[in-house]
Amino acid sequence: MDFVAYNEILICRKPIRNYVVAGVTVGYEFQIKYPSYRGCYLSCIEDLFFEMDGERLDAVNTFFGLNDKQFTLEELPELFREYWYVNKPATIRVMLPGGIAKGEHTLRVYMKHRVPYTGYFGSYLTLESDRTETLVAE
């Protein structure tokens, strides 16, 4: 049985905000936190995907923002020097012309991640975090 106690903090309960550049709405963003009592390096994330209102978001148009930097989801396995501190939310930016409609939306976040401090004898504990929340887009 996987340890799921920290899944509750995976999705930050903050509004979804449209992302505007030069007066044009080009997408939207929301925040997530690392589901543990310790942080990790981004390279420990083995799988990460998002669903909004039941539809899986395209990874090509989804970006992971942390530590004043922005990464593609494909870059995460190589980011062994980029640390995600547990109290630091990551901003997920989805490029979608026109953004997201105001009102309630259902967000699902799935993350499969290695626990970096468990790597004894060449084997790591790998956890799956899966959380769905209803958030409001402003």
C-alpha atoms as a PDB file:
ATOM      1  CA  MET A   1       0.000   0.000   0.000  1.00  0.00           C
ATOM      2  CA  ASP A   2       1.356   3.423  -0.963  1.00  0.00           C
ATOM      3  CA  PHE A   3       1.742   6.155   1.611  1.00  0.00           C
ATOM      4  CA  VAL A   4      -0.884   8.738   0.612  1.00  0.00           C
ATOM      5  CA  ALA A   5      -1.184  11.019   3.631  1.00  0.00           C
ATOM      6  CA  TYR A   6       0.488  13.943   1.857  1.00  0.00           C
ATOM      7  CA  ASN A   7      -1.607  13.709  -1.313  1.00  0.00           C
ATOM      8  CA  GLU A   8      -3.947  16.150   0.393  1.00  0.00           C
ATOM      9  CA  ILE A   9      -1.434  18.993  -0.086  1.00  0.00           C
ATOM     10  CA  LEU A  10      -0.597  18.206  -3.736  1.00  0.00           C
ATOM     11  CA  ILE A  11      -3.026  20.764  -5.161  1.00  0.00           C
ATOM     12  CA  CYS A  12      -2.892  24.255  -3.672  1.00  0.00           C
ATOM     13  CA  ARG A  13      -6.376  25.498  -2.897  1.00  0.00           C
ATOM     14  CA  LYS A  14      -5.877  28.819  -4.636  1.00  0.00           C
ATOM     15  CA  PRO A  15      -7.775  30.195  -7.617  1.00  0.00           C
ATOM     16  CA  ILE A  16      -6.837  29.329 -11.169  1.00  0.00           C
ATOM     17  CA  ARG A  17      -5.669  32.528 -12.851  1.00  0.00           C
ATOM     18  CA  ASN A  18      -5.603  33.384 -16.526  1.00  0.00           C
ATOM     19  CA  TYR A  19      -2.141  34.250 -17.815  1.00  0.00           C
ATOM     20  CA  VAL A  20      -2.046  37.541 -19.712  1.00  0.00           C
ATOM     21  CA  VAL A  21       0.839  38.833 -21.847  1.00  0.00           C
ATOM     22  CA  ALA A  22       0.654  42.336 -23.389  1.00  0.00           C
ATOM     23  CA  GLY A  23      -3.092  42.431 -22.778  1.00  0.00           C
ATOM     24  CA  VAL A  24      -3.722  39.073 -24.463  1.00  0.00           C
ATOM     25  CA  THR A  25      -4.843  36.029 -22.479  1.00  0.00           C
ATOM     26  CA  VAL A  26      -2.529  33.233 -23.627  1.00  0.00           C
ATOM     27  CA  GLY A  27      -3.236  30.587 -20.992  1.00  0.00           C
ATOM     28  CA  TYR A  28      -3.869  29.925 -17.328  1.00  0.00           C
ATOM     29  CA  GLU A  29      -1.977  28.778 -14.251  1.00  0.00           C
ATOM     30  CA  PHE A  30      -2.460  26.990 -10.947  1.00  0.00           C
ATOM     31  CA  GLN A  31      -0.170  25.845  -8.147  1.00  0.00           C
ATOM     32  CA  ILE A  32       0.886  22.494  -6.705  1.00  0.00           C
ATOM     33  CA  LYS A  33       3.136  21.460  -3.800  1.00  0.00           C
ATOM     34  CA  TYR A  34       5.426  18.504  -3.378  1.00  0.00           C
ATOM     35  CA  PRO A  35       3.433  15.830  -1.496  1.00  0.00           C
ATOM     36  CA  SER A  36       5.845  15.004   1.315  1.00  0.00           C
ATOM     37  CA  TYR A  37       7.385  16.357   4.485  1.00  0.00           C
ATOM     38  CA  ARG A  38      10.752  16.688   2.684  1.00  0.00           C
ATOM     39  CA  GLY A  39      11.597  18.230  -0.639  1.00  0.00           C
ATOM     40  CA  CYS A  40      13.176  16.553  -3.641  1.00  0.00           C
ATOM     41  CA  TYR A  41      15.078  17.240  -6.817  1.00  0.00           C
ATOM     42  CA  LEU A  42      12.902  17.593  -9.890  1.00  0.00           C
ATOM     43  CA  SER A  43      14.696  14.643 -11.474  1.00  0.00           C
ATOM     44  CA  CYS A  44      12.931  12.420  -8.917  1.00  0.00           C
ATOM     45  CA  ILE A  45       9.599  13.026 -10.666  1.00  0.00           C
ATOM     46  CA  GLU A  46       9.107   9.997 -12.894  1.00  0.00           C
ATOM     47  CA  ASP A  47       5.665  10.882 -14.225  1.00  0.00           C
ATOM     48  CA  LEU A  48       3.512  13.986 -13.949  1.00  0.00           C
ATOM     49  CA  PHE A  49       0.284  14.796 -15.697  1.00  0.00           C
ATOM     50  CA  PHE A  50      -2.755  16.986 -15.238  1.00  0.00           C
ATOM     51  CA  GLU A  51      -6.421  16.748 -16.157  1.00  0.00           C
ATOM     52  CA  MET A  52      -8.736  19.727 -16.262  1.00  0.00           C
ATOM     53  CA  ASP A  53     -12.464  18.971 -16.288  1.00  0.00           C
ATOM     54  CA  GLY A  54     -11.766  15.361 -17.223  1.00  0.00           C
ATOM     55  CA  GLU A  55      -9.451  16.122 -20.165  1.00  0.00           C
ATOM     56  CA  ARG A  56      -5.750  15.424 -19.980  1.00  0.00           C
ATOM     57  CA  LEU A  57      -3.618  18.508 -20.589  1.00  0.00           C
ATOM     58  CA  ASP A  58      -1.160  18.411 -23.463  1.00  0.00           C
ATOM     59  CA  ALA A  59       2.362  18.145 -22.006  1.00  0.00           C
ATOM     60  CA  VAL A  60       3.779  20.231 -24.865  1.00  0.00           C
ATOM     61  CA  ASN A  61       1.678  23.219 -23.761  1.00  0.00           C
ATOM     62  CA  THR A  62       2.176  22.699 -20.011  1.00  0.00           C
ATOM     63  CA  PHE A  63       5.102  24.258 -18.131  1.00  0.00           C
ATOM     64  CA  PHE A  64       6.483  23.745 -14.631  1.00  0.00           C
ATOM     65  CA  GLY A  65       7.588  26.920 -12.842  1.00  0.00           C
ATOM     66  CA  LEU A  66       9.801  26.784  -9.750  1.00  0.00           C
ATOM     67  CA  ASN A  67      12.600  28.855  -8.226  1.00  0.00           C
ATOM     68  CA  ASP A  68      11.973  31.721 -10.684  1.00  0.00           C
ATOM     69  CA  LYS A  69      12.532  29.352 -13.633  1.00  0.00           C
ATOM     70  CA  GLN A  70      10.221  27.636 -16.072  1.00  0.00           C
ATOM     71  CA  PHE A  71      10.672  24.110 -17.452  1.00  0.00           C
ATOM     72  CA  THR A  72       8.897  21.820 -19.871  1.00  0.00           C
ATOM     73  CA  LEU A  73       7.590  18.584 -18.394  1.00  0.00           C
ATOM     74  CA  GLU A  74      10.037  16.695 -20.617  1.00  0.00           C
ATOM     75  CA  GLU A  75      12.967  18.453 -18.916  1.00  0.00           C
ATOM     76  CA  LEU A  76      12.105  17.271 -15.399  1.00  0.00           C
ATOM     77  CA  PRO A  77      14.066  13.968 -15.472  1.00  0.00           C
ATOM     78  CA  GLU A  78      17.299  15.893 -16.194  1.00  0.00           C
ATOM     79  CA  LEU A  79      16.911  18.509 -13.424  1.00  0.00           C
ATOM     80  CA  PHE A  80      19.018  16.823 -10.732  1.00  0.00           C
ATOM     81  CA  ARG A  81      20.232  20.184  -9.382  1.00  0.00           C
ATOM     82  CA  GLU A  82      16.829  21.871  -9.183  1.00  0.00           C
ATOM     83  CA  TYR A  83      15.421  21.388  -5.682  1.00  0.00           C
ATOM     84  CA  TRP A  84      11.718  21.589  -4.831  1.00  0.00           C
ATOM     85  CA  TYR A  85      11.400  22.688  -1.219  1.00  0.00           C
ATOM     86  CA  VAL A  86       8.218  21.416   0.451  1.00  0.00           C
ATOM     87  CA  ASN A  87       6.876  24.866   1.361  1.00  0.00           C
ATOM     88  CA  LYS A  88       7.497  26.274  -2.115  1.00  0.00           C
ATOM     89  CA  PRO A  89       4.581  25.859  -4.525  1.00  0.00           C
ATOM     90  CA  ALA A  90       5.278  25.178  -8.185  1.00  0.00           C
ATOM     91  CA  THR A  91       3.278  27.141 -10.727  1.00  0.00           C
ATOM     92  CA  ILE A  92       1.863  25.080 -13.570  1.00  0.00           C
ATOM     93  CA  ARG A  93       1.261  27.206 -16.649  1.00  0.00           C
ATOM     94  CA  VAL A  94      -0.935  25.921 -19.449  1.00  0.00           C
ATOM     95  CA  MET A  95      -0.712  27.729 -22.760  1.00  0.00           C
ATOM     96  CA  LEU A  96      -4.261  27.945 -24.122  1.00  0.00           C
ATOM     97  CA  PRO A  97      -5.376  30.883 -26.280  1.00  0.00           C
ATOM     98  CA  GLY A  98      -8.164  32.704 -24.443  1.00  0.00           C
ATOM     99  CA  GLY A  99      -7.330  31.030 -21.133  1.00  0.00           C
ATOM    100  CA  ILE A 100      -9.900  29.231 -19.025  1.00  0.00           C
ATOM    101  CA  ALA A 101     -13.523  30.232 -18.397  1.00  0.00           C
ATOM    102  CA  LYS A 102     -14.392  31.775 -15.054  1.00  0.00           C
ATOM    103  CA  GLY A 103     -16.090  29.480 -12.571  1.00  0.00           C
ATOM    104  CA  GLU A 104     -15.500  26.061 -11.056  1.00  0.00           C
ATOM    105  CA  HIS A 105     -13.182  23.530 -12.668  1.00  0.00           C
ATOM    106  CA  THR A 106     -12.083  20.055 -11.623  1.00  0.00           C
ATOM    107  CA  LEU A 107      -8.323  19.582 -11.550  1.00  0.00           C
ATOM    108  CA  ARG A 108      -6.596  16.225 -11.255  1.00  0.00           C
ATOM    109  CA  VAL A 109      -2.854  15.947 -10.626  1.00  0.00           C
ATOM    110  CA  TYR A 110      -0.998  12.647 -10.880  1.00  0.00           C
ATOM    111  CA  MET A 111       2.653  12.376  -9.851  1.00  0.00           C
ATOM    112  CA  LYS A 112       4.891   9.330  -9.617  1.00  0.00           C
ATOM    113  CA  HIS A 113       8.048  10.216  -7.717  1.00  0.00           C
ATOM    114  CA  ARG A 114      11.100   8.612  -6.152  1.00  0.00           C
ATOM    115  CA  VAL A 115      11.829   9.436  -2.540  1.00  0.00           C
ATOM    116  CA  PRO A 116      15.499  10.479  -2.845  1.00  0.00           C
ATOM    117  CA  TYR A 117      16.643   9.652   0.665  1.00  0.00           C
ATOM    118  CA  THR A 118      15.502   6.007   0.459  1.00  0.00           C
ATOM    119  CA  GLY A 119      18.096   4.844  -2.078  1.00  0.00           C
ATOM    120  CA  TYR A 120      19.690   2.100  -0.074  1.00  0.00           C
ATOM    121  CA  PHE A 121      21.258  -0.858  -1.868  1.00  0.00           C
ATOM    122  CA  GLY A 122      20.315   0.575  -5.295  1.00  0.00           C
ATOM    123  CA  SER A 123      16.567   0.652  -4.730  1.00  0.00           C
ATOM    124  CA  TYR A 124      14.334   3.676  -4.105  1.00  0.00           C
ATOM    125  CA  LEU A 125      10.863   3.956  -2.660  1.00  0.00           C
ATOM    126  CA  THR A 126       8.561   5.193  -5.421  1.00  0.00           C
ATOM    127  CA  LEU A 127       5.221   6.771  -4.544  1.00  0.00           C
ATOM    128  CA  GLU A 128       2.180   7.647  -6.612  1.00  0.00           C
ATOM    129  CA  SER A 129       0.286  10.773  -5.649  1.00  0.00           C
ATOM    130  CA  ASP A 130      -3.115  11.305  -7.217  1.00  0.00           C
ATOM    131  CA  ARG A 131      -5.438  14.111  -6.157  1.00  0.00           C
ATOM    132  CA  THR A 132      -8.548  15.771  -7.582  1.00  0.00           C
ATOM    133  CA  GLU A 133      -9.868  19.130  -6.376  1.00  0.00           C
ATOM    134  CA  THR A 134     -12.463  21.619  -7.528  1.00  0.00           C
ATOM    135  CA  LEU A 135     -10.930  25.061  -7.964  1.00  0.00           C
ATOM    136  CA  VAL A 136     -12.384  28.381  -9.072  1.00  0.00           C
ATOM    137  CA  ALA A 137     -11.000  30.259 -12.060  1.00  0.00           C
ATOM    138  CA  GLU A 138     -11.078  34.028 -11.652  1.00  0.00           C
END
